[in-house]
């Protein structure tokens, strides 16, 4: 069965915003969580938020992609992408999967610089 996620803006304060970035640059996609709203979960902060790229989860930190780094709270779970490449052009969202919360889906648009 498919798991449905809901959005609760009072838990995820600052959601990522769609952006356009130039090849080789770095970008940070924000995801700030109200740590008091999720403290009852008793989940270590590095396992609280997971980022999704396209339809695939990037996993929990430390991420296995060299250019991707996720902050691990207790409030800031932003995703940092270094040396932007064409394959980074995709949809992204941050999720608190244990309670079915997710941010809005944003689009990171890769721009080739001549």
Protein backbone atom coordinates (compact mmCIF):
# COMPACT_ATOMS: atom_id res chain seq x y z
CA UNK A 1 0.00 0.00 0.00
CA UNK A 2 1.15 3.51 -0.82
CA UNK A 3 1.96 5.76 2.13
CA UNK A 4 0.44 9.20 1.89
CA UNK A 5 2.22 12.20 3.36
CA UNK A 6 0.70 15.35 4.76
CA UNK A 7 2.11 18.85 5.08
CA UNK A 8 2.14 20.62 8.40
CA UNK A 9 3.69 24.08 8.08
CA UNK A 10 3.86 24.46 11.87
CA UNK A 11 6.40 21.60 12.04
CA UNK A 12 8.45 22.40 8.93
CA UNK A 13 9.02 26.15 9.32
CA UNK A 14 11.18 27.10 6.36
CA UNK A 15 10.56 24.95 3.34
CA UNK A 16 12.83 24.73 0.33
CA UNK A 17 12.18 27.10 -2.55
CA UNK A 18 12.52 26.35 -6.26
CA UNK A 19 15.80 27.69 -7.60
CA UNK A 20 17.99 28.00 -10.66
CA UNK A 21 21.71 27.48 -10.19
CA UNK A 22 24.73 27.59 -12.48
CA UNK A 23 26.94 24.60 -13.27
CA UNK A 24 29.74 24.23 -10.75
CA UNK A 25 28.07 26.44 -8.14
CA UNK A 26 26.81 25.35 -4.73
CA UNK A 27 23.27 25.64 -3.42
CA UNK A 28 21.46 25.07 -0.13
CA UNK A 29 17.86 23.85 -0.08
CA UNK A 30 16.36 24.86 3.26
CA UNK A 31 14.39 22.65 5.61
CA UNK A 32 13.98 24.04 9.13
CA UNK A 33 12.01 21.94 11.60
CA UNK A 34 10.37 22.94 14.88
CA UNK A 35 12.36 20.58 17.09
CA UNK A 36 9.88 20.88 19.97
CA UNK A 37 7.04 19.58 17.76
CA UNK A 38 8.94 16.36 17.03
CA UNK A 39 10.83 15.85 20.31
CA UNK A 40 8.30 13.23 21.47
CA UNK A 41 9.43 10.92 18.66
CA UNK A 42 12.71 10.11 20.43
CA UNK A 43 14.48 9.70 17.10
CA UNK A 44 18.15 10.67 16.83
CA UNK A 45 18.33 13.91 14.83
CA UNK A 46 20.33 12.35 11.97
CA UNK A 47 17.43 9.94 11.31
CA UNK A 48 14.59 12.47 11.57
CA UNK A 49 14.60 14.13 8.13
CA UNK A 50 15.25 12.51 4.79
CA UNK A 51 15.54 14.30 1.45
CA UNK A 52 13.96 12.97 -1.73
CA UNK A 53 15.29 13.71 -5.22
CA UNK A 54 12.82 12.87 -7.95
CA UNK A 55 11.11 9.75 -6.65
CA UNK A 56 14.11 8.35 -4.79
CA UNK A 57 15.13 8.99 -1.20
CA UNK A 58 18.70 10.16 -0.77
CA UNK A 59 18.89 8.23 2.51
CA UNK A 60 19.80 9.44 5.97
CA UNK A 61 23.06 11.28 6.72
CA UNK A 62 25.82 10.79 6.00
CA UNK A 63 24.65 10.79 2.40
CA UNK A 64 26.47 8.52 -0.03
CA UNK A 65 26.70 11.11 -2.80
CA UNK A 66 29.98 13.01 -2.52
CA UNK A 67 28.57 16.41 -3.50
CA UNK A 68 25.48 16.18 -1.26
CA UNK A 69 25.56 17.06 2.44
CA UNK A 70 22.57 17.16 4.77
CA UNK A 71 22.63 19.08 8.04
CA UNK A 72 21.38 17.04 10.99
CA UNK A 73 19.45 19.40 13.24
CA UNK A 74 18.24 19.81 15.80
CA UNK A 75 16.40 22.47 13.74
CA UNK A 76 18.29 22.81 10.48
CA UNK A 77 18.06 19.83 8.09
CA UNK A 78 18.96 21.74 4.92
CA UNK A 79 20.49 19.97 1.93
CA UNK A 80 23.70 21.38 0.49
CA UNK A 81 24.74 20.46 -3.05
CA UNK A 82 28.26 21.37 -4.19
CA UNK A 83 29.59 21.59 -7.75
CA UNK A 84 26.14 21.52 -9.36
CA UNK A 85 25.86 19.16 -12.36
CA UNK A 86 23.18 18.45 -15.01
CA UNK A 87 21.98 15.34 -13.13
CA UNK A 88 21.05 17.54 -10.14
CA UNK A 89 18.21 19.11 -12.16
CA UNK A 90 15.16 17.53 -10.47
CA UNK A 91 12.37 17.82 -7.90
CA UNK A 92 13.36 17.82 -4.21
CA UNK A 93 11.52 17.67 -0.90
CA UNK A 94 12.41 17.07 2.73
CA UNK A 95 10.39 14.51 4.66
CA UNK A 96 9.88 13.50 8.26
CA UNK A 97 8.96 9.99 7.21
CA UNK A 98 8.33 8.54 10.67
CA UNK A 99 5.20 10.70 11.06
CA UNK A 100 4.32 11.19 7.40
CA UNK A 101 5.25 14.88 7.05
CA UNK A 102 6.80 16.45 3.99
CA UNK A 103 7.70 19.86 2.65
CA UNK A 104 6.38 21.22 -0.59
CA UNK A 105 8.04 19.79 -3.69
CA UNK A 106 10.46 22.25 -5.28
CA UNK A 107 12.35 22.19 -8.55
CA UNK A 108 16.08 22.75 -8.83
CA UNK A 109 16.81 23.99 -12.34
CA UNK A 110 20.35 23.46 -13.60
CA UNK A 111 21.71 26.22 -15.82
CA UNK A 112 24.75 25.60 -17.99
CA UNK A 113 27.16 28.54 -17.93
CA UNK A 114 29.10 29.17 -21.15
